[in-house]
Amino acid sequence: MDRRYASQYRLLYERHWWWRARERVILELLRRCGLPRGQETILDVGCGDGVFFDRLSQFGKVQGVESDPAIVDPHSRWSQAIHIGPFDDSFQPPGRYSLILMLDVIEHVPAPEAMLRKAGELLAPGGLIVLTVPALKSLWTTHDDLNKHYTRYTKQSLRAVVRAAGLSERSSRYFFAWICPLKLLIGWKERLLRSKPRPPRIPMAPLNRLFYGISRLEEAALGRLPLPLGSSLLLVATLADSPPGRADRAENLRKRRS
C-alpha cells in the first residue's frame, strides 16, 4: 500500500463515507445470514489494524491477517489477534473458521485463486467466505493505480476465480451503483489531464454526510435487487461440497414465509 495512504488508513476507515457505507452493507449481510452472536470463529484477511474488529466481535472471536506491517499498531488492543505476513501456507492457525472475510483484497494479487484456495482450506463445514471487490474495468481511475489493483471484476470474472479455487457461489450482487457515473467522469478527466494518483481524502462534512446518505438510500431501496452494475461487487461463497449452511437455511425459510 502507498505509504501516504497507509498512514491515514484508520482515519479514512472510521470517517470516510465509503468505508462507513461498505461496513453497513457487510454487517447487514451477516445479520441476514443468521449468525448467532458471540459463537463464530472469524478471520478477517487484509484486516489492516483490526479496523473492523470492534463490530465483528459481536458475532464471535475475531482474528486477522495483514501483509503490511506498517499498518498495524503493535500497541493496539487487537494487535495480538493479527498475524502479520502473507495469507499463504505460512499462516497455520490451530483451527478452522466459520466465517472468512476478504474485503477488497483479492484485486491486489495477480493470482487470487491461491488465496481463495487457502481460505477454503481454513473454512469449517457450512462456513461462509464473504468477498468484496472493485467492479467493472470501465470504472478504472488513478485510485486503482494507487492501490496497485490488478483488475476490477464483473460477476462472471469473479465467479470464474471462485470456481477455479474449488469454492461454490451462494450469492452475488453489485452495490454502490450510484457512484458509476461519477467514476466514469473522473476516469475520463484523469486520462485527459494525465492525472497522477493521490491518496483519498475525507470530503467536507456536508458532502461526506450526503454521499453516505445516498449510499444508504440506495441500499434500502435497491439492496435486494439484482442490479446490473455497481462500483463494488459482493459475493458469498462456501466449499463446493459443503452442506447447506445457516445462510441457505435462513433464505429458504424466508422464501417459504413469503
Protein backbone atom coordinates (compact mmCIF):
# COMPACT_ATOMS: atom_id res chain seq x y z
CA MET A 1 0.00 0.00 0.00
CA ASP A 2 1.14 3.54 -0.74
CA ARG A 3 2.86 4.92 2.39
CA ARG A 4 0.78 8.12 2.39
CA TYR A 5 -2.36 6.06 2.10
CA ALA A 6 -1.28 3.64 4.83
CA SER A 7 -0.58 6.45 7.29
CA GLN A 8 -4.20 7.63 7.19
CA TYR A 9 -5.98 4.33 6.57
CA ARG A 10 -7.58 4.07 10.03
CA LEU A 11 -8.84 7.65 9.88
CA LEU A 12 -10.33 7.02 6.44
CA TYR A 13 -11.97 3.82 7.61
CA GLU A 14 -13.52 5.49 10.63
CA ARG A 15 -14.74 8.68 8.96
CA HIS A 16 -14.92 8.42 5.15
CA TRP A 17 -18.43 7.81 3.81
CA TRP A 18 -17.34 4.95 1.51
CA TRP A 19 -15.84 2.82 4.28
CA ARG A 20 -18.76 3.62 6.61
CA ALA A 21 -21.32 2.61 3.98
CA ARG A 22 -19.49 -0.58 2.98
CA GLU A 23 -19.25 -1.63 6.61
CA ARG A 24 -23.02 -1.27 6.98
CA VAL A 25 -23.56 -3.44 3.89
CA ILE A 26 -21.37 -6.20 5.36
CA LEU A 27 -22.91 -6.07 8.84
CA GLU A 28 -26.43 -6.24 7.42
CA LEU A 29 -25.42 -9.23 5.28
CA LEU A 30 -24.01 -11.06 8.30
CA ARG A 31 -27.18 -10.43 10.29
CA ARG A 32 -29.32 -11.74 7.42
CA CYS A 33 -27.18 -14.88 7.40
CA GLY A 34 -28.44 -15.59 10.89
CA LEU A 35 -25.02 -15.74 12.55
CA PRO A 36 -25.52 -16.41 16.27
CA ARG A 37 -23.98 -13.60 18.27
CA GLY A 38 -20.78 -14.45 20.04
CA GLN A 39 -20.47 -18.00 18.69
CA GLU A 40 -18.50 -17.66 15.45
CA THR A 41 -14.80 -18.06 14.71
CA ILE A 42 -13.99 -15.26 12.28
CA LEU A 43 -10.96 -14.46 10.14
CA ASP A 44 -10.58 -11.05 8.51
CA VAL A 45 -7.99 -11.29 5.72
CA GLY A 46 -6.38 -7.94 4.91
CA CYS A 47 -7.65 -6.59 8.22
CA GLY A 48 -5.34 -3.57 8.46
CA ASP A 49 -5.07 -2.52 12.09
CA GLY A 50 -8.14 -4.51 13.06
CA VAL A 51 -10.33 -1.63 11.96
CA PHE A 52 -13.43 -3.87 11.64
CA PHE A 53 -12.80 -6.00 14.73
CA ASP A 54 -14.87 -3.98 17.21
CA ARG A 55 -18.03 -4.55 15.20
CA LEU A 56 -17.20 -8.07 14.03
CA SER A 57 -16.62 -9.19 17.62
CA GLN A 58 -20.39 -9.12 18.23
CA PHE A 59 -20.52 -12.32 16.19
CA GLY A 60 -17.65 -14.15 17.88
CA LYS A 61 -13.90 -14.43 18.25
CA VAL A 62 -12.07 -12.45 15.57
CA GLN A 63 -8.59 -12.93 14.17
CA GLY A 64 -6.92 -11.25 11.22
CA VAL A 65 -4.15 -11.46 8.66
CA GLU A 66 -2.35 -8.36 7.40
CA SER A 67 0.57 -8.46 4.97
CA ASP A 68 1.69 -4.84 5.55
CA PRO A 69 3.29 -4.42 9.00
CA ALA A 70 3.32 -0.63 8.63
CA ILE A 71 -0.46 -0.56 9.03
CA VAL A 72 -0.61 -2.49 12.32
CA ASP A 73 -0.03 -0.60 15.57
CA PRO A 74 1.79 -3.06 17.90
CA HIS A 75 0.18 -1.34 20.90
CA SER A 76 -3.41 -1.54 19.68
CA ARG A 77 -5.93 -3.68 21.57
CA TRP A 78 -6.20 -6.10 18.65
CA SER A 79 -2.53 -6.46 17.71
CA GLN A 80 -2.17 -9.91 19.32
CA ALA A 81 -5.05 -11.21 17.21
CA ILE A 82 -3.41 -10.18 13.92
CA HIS A 83 -0.98 -12.41 12.02
CA ILE A 84 1.43 -10.15 10.13
CA GLY A 85 2.51 -11.80 6.93
CA PRO A 86 1.15 -13.15 3.65
CA PHE A 87 -2.03 -15.19 3.51
CA ASP A 88 -0.38 -18.39 2.38
CA ASP A 89 0.93 -21.63 3.90
CA SER A 90 2.99 -19.62 6.41
CA PHE A 91 -0.31 -18.93 8.18
CA GLN A 92 -1.19 -22.06 10.15
CA PRO A 93 -3.93 -21.38 12.71
CA PRO A 94 -4.91 -24.13 15.16
CA GLY A 95 -8.48 -24.49 13.88
CA ARG A 96 -10.93 -23.63 11.13
CA TYR A 97 -13.18 -20.61 10.76
CA SER A 98 -16.93 -20.42 10.32
CA LEU A 99 -16.64 -17.01 8.62
CA ILE A 100 -13.79 -15.63 6.50
CA LEU A 101 -13.88 -12.05 5.22
CA MET A 102 -11.79 -10.87 2.27
CA LEU A 103 -12.97 -7.29 1.81
CA ASP A 104 -11.32 -5.59 -1.18
CA VAL A 105 -8.34 -7.92 -1.00
CA ILE A 106 -8.02 -10.24 -4.00
CA GLU A 107 -7.81 -7.45 -6.57
CA HIS A 108 -4.33 -6.73 -5.15
CA VAL A 109 -2.83 -10.06 -6.27
CA PRO A 110 -2.18 -11.40 -9.79
CA ALA A 111 -3.34 -14.95 -8.96
CA PRO A 112 -6.22 -14.72 -6.48
CA GLU A 113 -7.10 -18.42 -6.83
CA ALA A 114 -4.27 -19.32 -4.44
CA MET A 115 -5.62 -17.01 -1.72
CA LEU A 116 -9.13 -18.36 -2.17
CA ARG A 117 -7.91 -21.96 -2.02
CA LYS A 118 -6.17 -21.12 1.25
CA ALA A 119 -9.42 -19.63 2.55
CA GLY A 120 -11.22 -22.82 1.53
CA GLU A 121 -8.70 -24.94 3.45
CA LEU A 122 -9.39 -22.89 6.58
CA LEU A 123 -13.18 -22.87 6.26
CA ALA A 124 -15.26 -25.04 8.57
CA PRO A 125 -18.03 -27.17 7.02
CA GLY A 126 -21.04 -24.97 6.30
CA GLY A 127 -18.93 -21.85 6.77
CA LEU A 128 -19.02 -18.75 4.61
CA ILE A 129 -16.46 -16.67 2.74
CA VAL A 130 -17.52 -13.07 2.11
CA LEU A 131 -15.72 -11.22 -0.70
CA THR A 132 -15.93 -7.65 -1.88
CA VAL A 133 -14.02 -6.36 -4.90
CA PRO A 134 -13.98 -3.24 -7.08
CA ALA A 135 -16.24 -3.78 -10.08
CA LEU A 136 -16.12 -3.06 -13.82
CA LYS A 137 -12.88 -2.20 -15.64
CA SER A 138 -14.61 0.75 -17.30
CA LEU A 139 -14.59 2.43 -13.86
CA TRP A 140 -10.78 2.31 -13.54
CA THR A 141 -9.28 5.51 -12.06
CA THR A 142 -5.97 6.56 -10.56
CA HIS A 143 -7.33 5.26 -7.24
CA ASP A 144 -6.86 1.76 -8.70
CA ASP A 145 -3.29 2.67 -9.69
CA LEU A 146 -2.58 3.99 -6.20
CA ASN A 147 -3.88 0.77 -4.66
CA LYS A 148 -1.90 -1.38 -7.10
CA HIS A 149 -5.02 -3.16 -8.30
CA TYR A 150 -4.53 -5.83 -10.94
CA THR A 151 -8.12 -5.71 -12.13
CA ARG A 152 -11.72 -4.77 -11.44
CA TYR A 153 -14.21 -7.62 -11.55
CA THR A 154 -17.54 -8.47 -13.11
CA LYS A 155 -19.86 -11.10 -11.68
CA GLN A 156 -18.72 -13.50 -14.38
CA SER A 157 -14.99 -12.99 -13.85
CA LEU A 158 -15.27 -13.25 -10.06
CA ARG A 159 -17.38 -16.40 -10.33
CA ALA A 160 -14.71 -17.95 -12.55
CA VAL A 161 -12.00 -17.25 -9.96
CA VAL A 162 -14.17 -18.63 -7.16
CA ARG A 163 -14.90 -21.83 -9.09
CA ALA A 164 -11.23 -22.28 -10.01
CA ALA A 165 -10.40 -22.16 -6.30
CA GLY A 166 -12.79 -25.04 -5.57
CA LEU A 167 -15.46 -22.86 -3.98
CA SER A 168 -19.16 -22.53 -4.67
CA GLU A 169 -21.01 -19.23 -5.01
CA ARG A 170 -24.03 -18.80 -2.75
CA SER A 171 -24.98 -15.26 -3.80
CA SER A 172 -23.51 -12.21 -5.52
CA ARG A 173 -24.60 -8.67 -6.27
CA TYR A 174 -23.32 -5.26 -7.26
CA PHE A 175 -23.63 -2.28 -4.95
CA PHE A 176 -22.70 1.42 -4.96
CA ALA A 177 -24.44 1.74 -8.34
CA TRP A 178 -24.94 5.47 -7.91
CA ILE A 179 -21.16 6.01 -7.99
CA CYS A 180 -20.74 4.58 -11.50
CA PRO A 181 -21.45 7.81 -13.48
CA LEU A 182 -19.15 9.76 -11.16
CA LYS A 183 -16.30 7.29 -11.58
CA LEU A 184 -16.72 7.31 -15.35
CA LEU A 185 -16.43 11.10 -15.36
CA ILE A 186 -13.43 11.03 -13.01
CA GLY A 187 -11.68 8.44 -15.16
CA TRP A 188 -12.23 10.45 -18.35
CA LYS A 189 -10.96 13.62 -16.66
CA GLU A 190 -7.88 11.87 -15.28
CA ARG A 191 -6.97 10.41 -18.68
CA LEU A 192 -7.47 13.77 -20.36
CA LEU A 193 -5.33 15.63 -17.79
CA ARG A 194 -2.94 12.69 -17.23
CA SER A 195 -3.54 12.96 -13.50
CA LYS A 196 -1.21 11.28 -11.02
CA PRO A 197 -2.58 9.04 -8.26
CA ARG A 198 -3.32 10.77 -4.96
CA PRO A 199 -4.45 9.25 -1.65
CA PRO A 200 -8.16 9.71 -0.95
CA ARG A 201 -9.27 12.43 1.43
CA ILE A 202 -12.30 12.73 3.64
CA PRO A 203 -14.75 15.10 1.92
CA MET A 204 -16.08 18.16 3.65
CA ALA A 205 -18.61 17.18 6.31
CA PRO A 206 -21.76 18.11 4.33
CA LEU A 207 -20.59 16.14 1.29
CA ASN A 208 -19.43 13.25 3.44
CA ARG A 209 -22.89 13.03 5.03
CA LEU A 210 -24.63 13.42 1.66
CA PHE A 211 -22.66 10.63 -0.04
CA TYR A 212 -23.17 8.32 2.92
CA GLY A 213 -26.89 9.10 2.89
CA ILE A 214 -27.20 8.38 -0.84
CA SER A 215 -25.39 5.06 -0.36
CA ARG A 216 -27.71 4.08 2.47
CA LEU A 217 -30.76 5.14 0.47
CA GLU A 218 -29.64 3.03 -2.49
CA GLU A 219 -29.11 0.05 -0.19
CA ALA A 220 -32.52 0.44 1.45
CA ALA A 221 -34.35 0.81 -1.87
CA LEU A 222 -32.36 -1.48 -4.16
CA GLY A 223 -30.15 -3.66 -1.97
CA ARG A 224 -32.16 -6.85 -2.55
CA LEU A 225 -32.48 -6.30 -6.31
CA PRO A 226 -30.12 -7.80 -8.94
CA LEU A 227 -28.55 -4.53 -10.08
CA PRO A 228 -26.79 -4.82 -13.46
CA LEU A 229 -23.84 -2.72 -12.34
CA GLY A 230 -22.14 -1.06 -9.40
CA SER A 231 -18.72 0.20 -8.45
CA SER A 232 -18.36 -2.69 -5.97
CA LEU A 233 -19.25 -6.36 -6.09
CA LEU A 234 -20.17 -8.62 -3.16
CA LEU A 235 -20.02 -12.41 -3.33
CA VAL A 236 -20.72 -15.05 -0.68
CA ALA A 237 -19.04 -18.42 -1.21
CA THR A 238 -18.56 -21.71 0.58
CA LEU A 239 -16.89 -25.04 -0.07
CA ALA A 240 -18.12 -26.68 -3.25
CA ASP A 241 -19.13 -29.86 -1.39
CA SER A 242 -20.32 -28.13 1.77
CA PRO A 243 -23.77 -28.93 3.20
CA PRO A 244 -26.27 -26.05 3.37
CA GLY A 245 -25.24 -23.53 6.00
CA ARG A 246 -27.20 -21.07 8.09
CA ALA A 247 -27.34 -18.56 5.22
CA ASP A 248 -29.09 -21.09 2.97
CA ARG A 249 -31.49 -22.22 5.69
CA ALA A 250 -32.39 -18.62 6.51
CA GLU A 251 -33.01 -17.83 2.84
CA ASN A 252 -35.13 -20.95 2.36
CA LEU A 253 -37.18 -20.05 5.43
CA ARG A 254 -37.69 -16.51 4.13
CA LYS A 255 -38.92 -17.86 0.77
CA ARG A 256 -41.37 -20.24 2.44
CA ARG A 257 -42.80 -17.42 4.52
CA SER A 258 -43.15 -15.02 1.58
